[in-house]
Amino acid sequence: MRTMLLLTVIGLLTLGCQNPPTKAESEVVDTKPTTTIDGQKITKKDRTPQPGEEMKSSYNRDHTNKRGSALSILNFRISADAENYPIIEDGIWEFEFIHDGTGMSKEGEHDGEWIDFKDDHTYAKGKGKEQQSTGKYHYDFSTDKVLMIPDDNKSNPQEWKTIFGTDIVMIMVGTPEYGNNNFQMKLKRRKSLDEI
């Protein structure tokens, strides 16, 4: 909880220290040509923040076209490093809070939602006793990153930077690789589904 609070405070301080745009800057009309990336029309303004603006989000883009390359990367990483890491695989992780780039979830909003990283490089997600989705993953101990590919072909791959506050708390911070960079999650380790 302290880590999530600290990350939120640092983010707010960073935003608060930026200079707001002047009236002249905010009235400038962008006449730059548009470009298409991943089937979406964007302009130079979308890729480079203007003074006082935040960088445009990429979390709502469709990254399913990257599934093939993500799966190749995942399989290569598993073949190169098939180690098991109890730090992520021991027990089941219950979601406590999720920050989606617009705000923090309310306390208790994700009660009973969990993810189980198994030692065969598969994972399952669910709520209560019900399993809702599955996939494959690789945890890289040297970078503390988790690459996750859902079995559902319509779902985007995900990459997360993990931070362990204690042995029972994990923070997952999305990376820009597959567009989940706006998300941060706090999870708590449980011994089994019986504790959820």
C-alpha atoms as a PDB file:
ATOM      1  CA  MET A   1       0.000   0.000   0.000  1.00  0.00           C
ATOM      2  CA  ARG A   2       2.832   2.370   0.850  1.00  0.00           C
ATOM      3  CA  THR A   3       4.543   1.636  -2.464  1.00  0.00           C
ATOM      4  CA  MET A   4       1.372   2.362  -4.447  1.00  0.00           C
ATOM      5  CA  LEU A   5       0.800   5.558  -2.464  1.00  0.00           C
ATOM      6  CA  LEU A   6       4.407   6.600  -3.053  1.00  0.00           C
ATOM      7  CA  LEU A   7       4.095   5.982  -6.813  1.00  0.00           C
ATOM      8  CA  THR A   8       0.869   8.010  -6.936  1.00  0.00           C
ATOM      9  CA  VAL A   9       2.392  10.922  -4.982  1.00  0.00           C
ATOM     10  CA  ILE A  10       5.497  10.963  -7.228  1.00  0.00           C
ATOM     11  CA  GLY A  11       3.271  10.994 -10.319  1.00  0.00           C
ATOM     12  CA  LEU A  12       1.165  13.860  -8.967  1.00  0.00           C
ATOM     13  CA  LEU A  13       4.253  15.856  -8.004  1.00  0.00           C
ATOM     14  CA  THR A  14       5.706  15.360 -11.492  1.00  0.00           C
ATOM     15  CA  LEU A  15       2.499  16.580 -13.120  1.00  0.00           C
ATOM     16  CA  GLY A  16       2.221  19.503 -10.706  1.00  0.00           C
ATOM     17  CA  CYS A  17       5.742  20.721 -11.513  1.00  0.00           C
ATOM     18  CA  GLN A  18       5.032  21.137 -15.220  1.00  0.00           C
ATOM     19  CA  ASN A  19       4.399  24.640 -16.537  1.00  0.00           C
ATOM     20  CA  PRO A  20       0.833  25.126 -17.824  1.00  0.00           C
ATOM     21  CA  PRO A  21       0.572  26.163 -21.473  1.00  0.00           C
ATOM     22  CA  THR A  22       0.222  29.851 -22.183  1.00  0.00           C
ATOM     23  CA  LYS A  23      -2.897  31.111 -23.946  1.00  0.00           C
ATOM     24  CA  ALA A  24      -0.933  31.455 -27.177  1.00  0.00           C
ATOM     25  CA  GLU A  25       0.362  27.872 -26.946  1.00  0.00           C
ATOM     26  CA  SER A  26      -3.067  26.398 -26.248  1.00  0.00           C
ATOM     27  CA  GLU A  27      -4.609  28.177 -29.245  1.00  0.00           C
ATOM     28  CA  VAL A  28      -2.056  26.876 -31.778  1.00  0.00           C
ATOM     29  CA  VAL A  29      -3.696  24.697 -34.418  1.00  0.00           C
ATOM     30  CA  ASP A  30      -1.706  21.622 -35.435  1.00  0.00           C
ATOM     31  CA  THR A  31      -1.541  21.348 -39.213  1.00  0.00           C
ATOM     32  CA  LYS A  32       0.961  18.494 -39.332  1.00  0.00           C
ATOM     33  CA  PRO A  33       0.067  15.544 -41.563  1.00  0.00           C
ATOM     34  CA  THR A  34      -1.406  12.436 -39.978  1.00  0.00           C
ATOM     35  CA  THR A  35       0.177   9.003 -39.835  1.00  0.00           C
ATOM     36  CA  THR A  36      -1.398   5.589 -39.408  1.00  0.00           C
ATOM     37  CA  ILE A  37       0.067   3.282 -36.742  1.00  0.00           C
ATOM     38  CA  ASP A  38      -1.542  -0.071 -35.967  1.00  0.00           C
ATOM     39  CA  GLY A  39      -4.549   0.974 -38.057  1.00  0.00           C
ATOM     40  CA  GLN A  40      -5.141   4.153 -36.021  1.00  0.00           C
ATOM     41  CA  LYS A  41      -4.804   7.641 -37.469  1.00  0.00           C
ATOM     42  CA  ILE A  42      -2.567   9.812 -35.297  1.00  0.00           C
ATOM     43  CA  THR A  43      -0.769  13.121 -35.716  1.00  0.00           C
ATOM     44  CA  LYS A  44       2.614  14.312 -34.578  1.00  0.00           C
ATOM     45  CA  LYS A  45       0.783  16.051 -31.723  1.00  0.00           C
ATOM     46  CA  ASP A  46      -0.458  12.629 -30.536  1.00  0.00           C
ATOM     47  CA  ARG A  47       3.098  11.287 -30.349  1.00  0.00           C
ATOM     48  CA  THR A  48       4.851  14.292 -28.784  1.00  0.00           C
ATOM     49  CA  PRO A  49       3.257  16.016 -25.803  1.00  0.00           C
ATOM     50  CA  GLN A  50       2.793  19.767 -26.031  1.00  0.00           C
ATOM     51  CA  PRO A  51       3.882  21.929 -23.062  1.00  0.00           C
ATOM     52  CA  GLY A  52       1.684  21.154 -20.077  1.00  0.00           C
ATOM     53  CA  GLU A  53       0.102  18.089 -21.719  1.00  0.00           C
ATOM     54  CA  GLU A  54       0.431  14.448 -20.813  1.00  0.00           C
ATOM     55  CA  MET A  55       1.588  11.932 -23.395  1.00  0.00           C
ATOM     56  CA  LYS A  56      -1.401  10.345 -25.126  1.00  0.00           C
ATOM     57  CA  SER A  57      -2.275   6.922 -23.816  1.00  0.00           C
ATOM     58  CA  SER A  58      -1.669   3.739 -25.772  1.00  0.00           C
ATOM     59  CA  TYR A  59      -3.563   1.338 -23.516  1.00  0.00           C
ATOM     60  CA  ASN A  60      -6.726   1.355 -25.627  1.00  0.00           C
ATOM     61  CA  ARG A  61      -4.973   0.392 -28.850  1.00  0.00           C
ATOM     62  CA  ASP A  62      -5.419  -3.058 -30.300  1.00  0.00           C
ATOM     63  CA  HIS A  63      -2.132  -4.930 -29.917  1.00  0.00           C
ATOM     64  CA  THR A  64      -3.499  -8.353 -30.901  1.00  0.00           C
ATOM     65  CA  ASN A  65      -1.471  -8.115 -34.123  1.00  0.00           C
ATOM     66  CA  LYS A  66       1.622  -8.441 -31.915  1.00  0.00           C
ATOM     67  CA  ARG A  67       0.499 -11.818 -30.491  1.00  0.00           C
ATOM     68  CA  GLY A  68       2.612 -13.839 -32.949  1.00  0.00           C
ATOM     69  CA  SER A  69       5.838 -12.017 -32.196  1.00  0.00           C
ATOM     70  CA  ALA A  70       5.036 -11.949 -28.463  1.00  0.00           C
ATOM     71  CA  LEU A  71       4.479 -15.717 -28.502  1.00  0.00           C
ATOM     72  CA  SER A  72       7.820 -16.227 -30.285  1.00  0.00           C
ATOM     73  CA  ILE A  73       9.546 -14.045 -27.682  1.00  0.00           C
ATOM     74  CA  LEU A  74       7.822 -15.923 -24.853  1.00  0.00           C
ATOM     75  CA  ASN A  75       8.789 -19.351 -26.222  1.00  0.00           C
ATOM     76  CA  PHE A  76      12.393 -18.222 -26.737  1.00  0.00           C
ATOM     77  CA  ARG A  77      12.603 -16.885 -23.187  1.00  0.00           C
ATOM     78  CA  ILE A  78      11.151 -20.082 -21.741  1.00  0.00           C
ATOM     79  CA  SER A  79      13.645 -22.214 -23.715  1.00  0.00           C
ATOM     80  CA  ALA A  80      16.556 -19.979 -22.663  1.00  0.00           C
ATOM     81  CA  ASP A  81      15.451 -19.651 -19.023  1.00  0.00           C
ATOM     82  CA  ALA A  82      13.008 -22.307 -17.838  1.00  0.00           C
ATOM     83  CA  GLU A  83      13.799 -21.661 -14.167  1.00  0.00           C
ATOM     84  CA  ASN A  84      11.039 -21.654 -11.603  1.00  0.00           C
ATOM     85  CA  TYR A  85      10.842 -18.666  -9.281  1.00  0.00           C
ATOM     86  CA  PRO A  86       8.908 -19.121  -6.041  1.00  0.00           C
ATOM     87  CA  ILE A  87       8.831 -15.335  -5.595  1.00  0.00           C
ATOM     88  CA  ILE A  88       6.060 -15.201  -8.210  1.00  0.00           C
ATOM     89  CA  GLU A  89       4.840 -18.831  -8.372  1.00  0.00           C
ATOM     90  CA  ASP A  90       4.329 -19.573  -4.689  1.00  0.00           C
ATOM     91  CA  GLY A  91       0.651 -19.338  -3.765  1.00  0.00           C
ATOM     92  CA  ILE A  92      -2.000 -17.260  -5.505  1.00  0.00           C
ATOM     93  CA  TRP A  93      -2.035 -13.479  -5.957  1.00  0.00           C
ATOM     94  CA  GLU A  94      -5.225 -11.607  -5.026  1.00  0.00           C
ATOM     95  CA  PHE A  95      -5.816  -8.177  -6.561  1.00  0.00           C
ATOM     96  CA  GLU A  96      -6.156  -5.372  -4.006  1.00  0.00           C
ATOM     97  CA  PHE A  97      -5.995  -2.180  -6.064  1.00  0.00           C
ATOM     98  CA  ILE A  98      -5.785  -1.316  -9.757  1.00  0.00           C
ATOM     99  CA  HIS A  99      -4.868   2.105 -11.116  1.00  0.00           C
ATOM    100  CA  ASP A 100      -5.987   2.348 -14.753  1.00  0.00           C
ATOM    101  CA  GLY A 101      -4.413   5.667 -15.681  1.00  0.00           C
ATOM    102  CA  THR A 102      -7.519   7.645 -14.771  1.00  0.00           C
ATOM    103  CA  GLY A 103      -7.906   6.692 -11.134  1.00  0.00           C
ATOM    104  CA  MET A 104      -7.465   4.173  -8.342  1.00  0.00           C
ATOM    105  CA  SER A 105     -10.006   1.433  -7.771  1.00  0.00           C
ATOM    106  CA  LYS A 106     -12.037   1.612  -4.588  1.00  0.00           C
ATOM    107  CA  GLU A 107     -11.072  -0.484  -1.597  1.00  0.00           C
ATOM    108  CA  GLY A 108     -12.692  -3.908  -1.910  1.00  0.00           C
ATOM    109  CA  GLU A 109     -13.627  -3.438  -5.565  1.00  0.00           C
ATOM    110  CA  HIS A 110     -11.416  -6.359  -6.631  1.00  0.00           C
ATOM    111  CA  ASP A 111     -11.996  -8.642  -3.650  1.00  0.00           C
ATOM    112  CA  GLY A 112     -11.882 -12.272  -4.731  1.00  0.00           C
ATOM    113  CA  GLU A 113     -10.113 -11.604  -8.061  1.00  0.00           C
ATOM    114  CA  TRP A 114      -6.887 -13.571  -8.400  1.00  0.00           C
ATOM    115  CA  ILE A 115      -4.091 -14.752 -10.658  1.00  0.00           C
ATOM    116  CA  ASP A 116      -2.143 -17.981 -10.237  1.00  0.00           C
ATOM    117  CA  PHE A 117       1.318 -18.182 -11.858  1.00  0.00           C
ATOM    118  CA  LYS A 118       2.105 -21.899 -12.190  1.00  0.00           C
ATOM    119  CA  ASP A 119       5.543 -23.509 -12.436  1.00  0.00           C
ATOM    120  CA  ASP A 120       4.819 -24.841 -15.966  1.00  0.00           C
ATOM    121  CA  HIS A 121       4.766 -21.245 -17.339  1.00  0.00           C
ATOM    122  CA  THR A 122       0.975 -21.090 -17.503  1.00  0.00           C
ATOM    123  CA  TYR A 123      -1.333 -18.887 -15.479  1.00  0.00           C
ATOM    124  CA  ALA A 124      -4.994 -18.776 -14.598  1.00  0.00           C
ATOM    125  CA  LYS A 125      -7.121 -15.794 -13.587  1.00  0.00           C
ATOM    126  CA  GLY A 126     -10.452 -15.881 -11.875  1.00  0.00           C
ATOM    127  CA  LYS A 127     -12.846 -14.626  -9.268  1.00  0.00           C
ATOM    128  CA  GLY A 128     -13.757 -16.620  -6.190  1.00  0.00           C
ATOM    129  CA  LYS A 129     -13.585 -20.323  -7.041  1.00  0.00           C
ATOM    130  CA  GLU A 130     -14.288 -19.698 -10.742  1.00  0.00           C
ATOM    131  CA  GLN A 131     -11.454 -19.678 -13.275  1.00  0.00           C
ATOM    132  CA  GLN A 132     -12.171 -17.062 -15.964  1.00  0.00           C
ATOM    133  CA  SER A 133      -9.118 -17.060 -18.241  1.00  0.00           C
ATOM    134  CA  THR A 134      -5.772 -18.759 -18.833  1.00  0.00           C
ATOM    135  CA  GLY A 135      -2.540 -18.075 -20.649  1.00  0.00           C
ATOM    136  CA  LYS A 136       1.222 -18.507 -20.791  1.00  0.00           C
ATOM    137  CA  TYR A 137       3.834 -16.352 -19.095  1.00  0.00           C
ATOM    138  CA  HIS A 138       7.546 -15.960 -18.475  1.00  0.00           C
ATOM    139  CA  TYR A 139       9.075 -14.230 -15.473  1.00  0.00           C
ATOM    140  CA  ASP A 140      12.571 -12.826 -16.018  1.00  0.00           C
ATOM    141  CA  PHE A 141      14.299 -12.644 -12.649  1.00  0.00           C
ATOM    142  CA  SER A 142      17.108 -10.404 -13.978  1.00  0.00           C
ATOM    143  CA  THR A 143      14.717  -7.677 -15.202  1.00  0.00           C
ATOM    144  CA  ASP A 144      11.766  -8.402 -12.852  1.00  0.00           C
ATOM    145  CA  LYS A 145       9.461  -8.405 -15.899  1.00  0.00           C
ATOM    146  CA  VAL A 146       6.570 -10.736 -16.642  1.00  0.00           C
ATOM    147  CA  LEU A 147       5.440 -11.337 -20.222  1.00  0.00           C
ATOM    148  CA  MET A 148       1.870 -12.690 -20.329  1.00  0.00           C
ATOM    149  CA  ILE A 149      -0.047 -13.968 -23.344  1.00  0.00           C
ATOM    150  CA  PRO A 150      -3.706 -14.877 -22.793  1.00  0.00           C
ATOM    151  CA  ASP A 151      -5.011 -18.019 -24.504  1.00  0.00           C
ATOM    152  CA  ASP A 152      -7.900 -15.939 -25.904  1.00  0.00           C
ATOM    153  CA  ASN A 153      -6.694 -14.892 -29.375  1.00  0.00           C
ATOM    154  CA  LYS A 154      -8.654 -11.637 -29.123  1.00  0.00           C
ATOM    155  CA  SER A 155      -6.735 -10.489 -26.030  1.00  0.00           C
ATOM    156  CA  ASN A 156      -3.587  -8.383 -26.103  1.00  0.00           C
ATOM    157  CA  PRO A 157      -0.248  -9.644 -24.797  1.00  0.00           C
ATOM    158  CA  GLN A 158       0.897  -7.856 -21.628  1.00  0.00           C
ATOM    159  CA  GLU A 159       4.246  -7.008 -20.083  1.00  0.00           C
ATOM    160  CA  TRP A 160       4.631  -5.963 -16.452  1.00  0.00           C
ATOM    161  CA  LYS A 161       7.506  -4.735 -14.300  1.00  0.00           C
ATOM    162  CA  THR A 162       7.219  -6.369 -10.887  1.00  0.00           C
ATOM    163  CA  ILE A 163       8.147  -4.758  -7.583  1.00  0.00           C
ATOM    164  CA  PHE A 164       8.074  -6.791  -4.390  1.00  0.00           C
ATOM    165  CA  GLY A 165       7.461  -4.651  -1.307  1.00  0.00           C
ATOM    166  CA  THR A 166       7.569  -7.675   0.951  1.00  0.00           C
ATOM    167  CA  ASP A 167       7.272 -11.407   0.437  1.00  0.00           C
ATOM    168  CA  ILE A 168       3.486 -11.084   0.365  1.00  0.00           C
ATOM    169  CA  VAL A 169       2.963  -7.881  -1.690  1.00  0.00           C
ATOM    170  CA  MET A 170       3.625  -7.453  -5.400  1.00  0.00           C
ATOM    171  CA  ILE A 171       3.160  -4.309  -7.489  1.00  0.00           C
ATOM    172  CA  MET A 172       2.821  -4.806 -11.249  1.00  0.00           C
ATOM    173  CA  VAL A 173       3.510  -1.762 -13.418  1.00  0.00           C
ATOM    174  CA  GLY A 174       2.562  -1.989 -17.096  1.00  0.00           C
ATOM    175  CA  THR A 175       5.179  -1.343 -19.762  1.00  0.00           C
ATOM    176  CA  PRO A 176       4.524   0.381 -23.118  1.00  0.00           C
ATOM    177  CA  GLU A 177       5.479  -2.720 -25.154  1.00  0.00           C
ATOM    178  CA  TYR A 178       1.878  -3.944 -25.540  1.00  0.00           C
ATOM    179  CA  GLY A 179      -0.009  -0.857 -24.404  1.00  0.00           C
ATOM    180  CA  ASN A 180      -0.711  -1.638 -20.755  1.00  0.00           C
ATOM    181  CA  ASN A 181       1.614   1.124 -19.527  1.00  0.00           C
ATOM    182  CA  ASN A 182      -1.230   3.086 -17.903  1.00  0.00           C
ATOM    183  CA  PHE A 183      -1.969   0.290 -15.456  1.00  0.00           C
ATOM    184  CA  GLN A 184      -0.523  -0.428 -12.022  1.00  0.00           C
ATOM    185  CA  MET A 185      -1.784  -3.175  -9.765  1.00  0.00           C
ATOM    186  CA  LYS A 186      -1.219  -4.139  -6.172  1.00  0.00           C
ATOM    187  CA  LEU A 187      -1.590  -7.834  -5.356  1.00  0.00           C
ATOM    188  CA  LYS A 188      -1.335  -9.780  -2.119  1.00  0.00           C
ATOM    189  CA  ARG A 189      -0.075 -13.365  -1.856  1.00  0.00           C
ATOM    190  CA  ARG A 190      -2.492 -16.003  -0.564  1.00  0.00           C
ATOM    191  CA  LYS A 191      -1.589 -19.617   0.202  1.00  0.00           C
ATOM    192  CA  SER A 192      -4.537 -21.019  -1.757  1.00  0.00           C
ATOM    193  CA  LEU A 193      -7.983 -20.201  -3.151  1.00  0.00           C
ATOM    194  CA  ASP A 194      -9.408 -21.088   0.257  1.00  0.00           C
ATOM    195  CA  GLU A 195      -7.955 -17.807   1.608  1.00  0.00           C
ATOM    196  CA  ILE A 196      -9.671 -15.708  -1.049  1.00  0.00           C
END
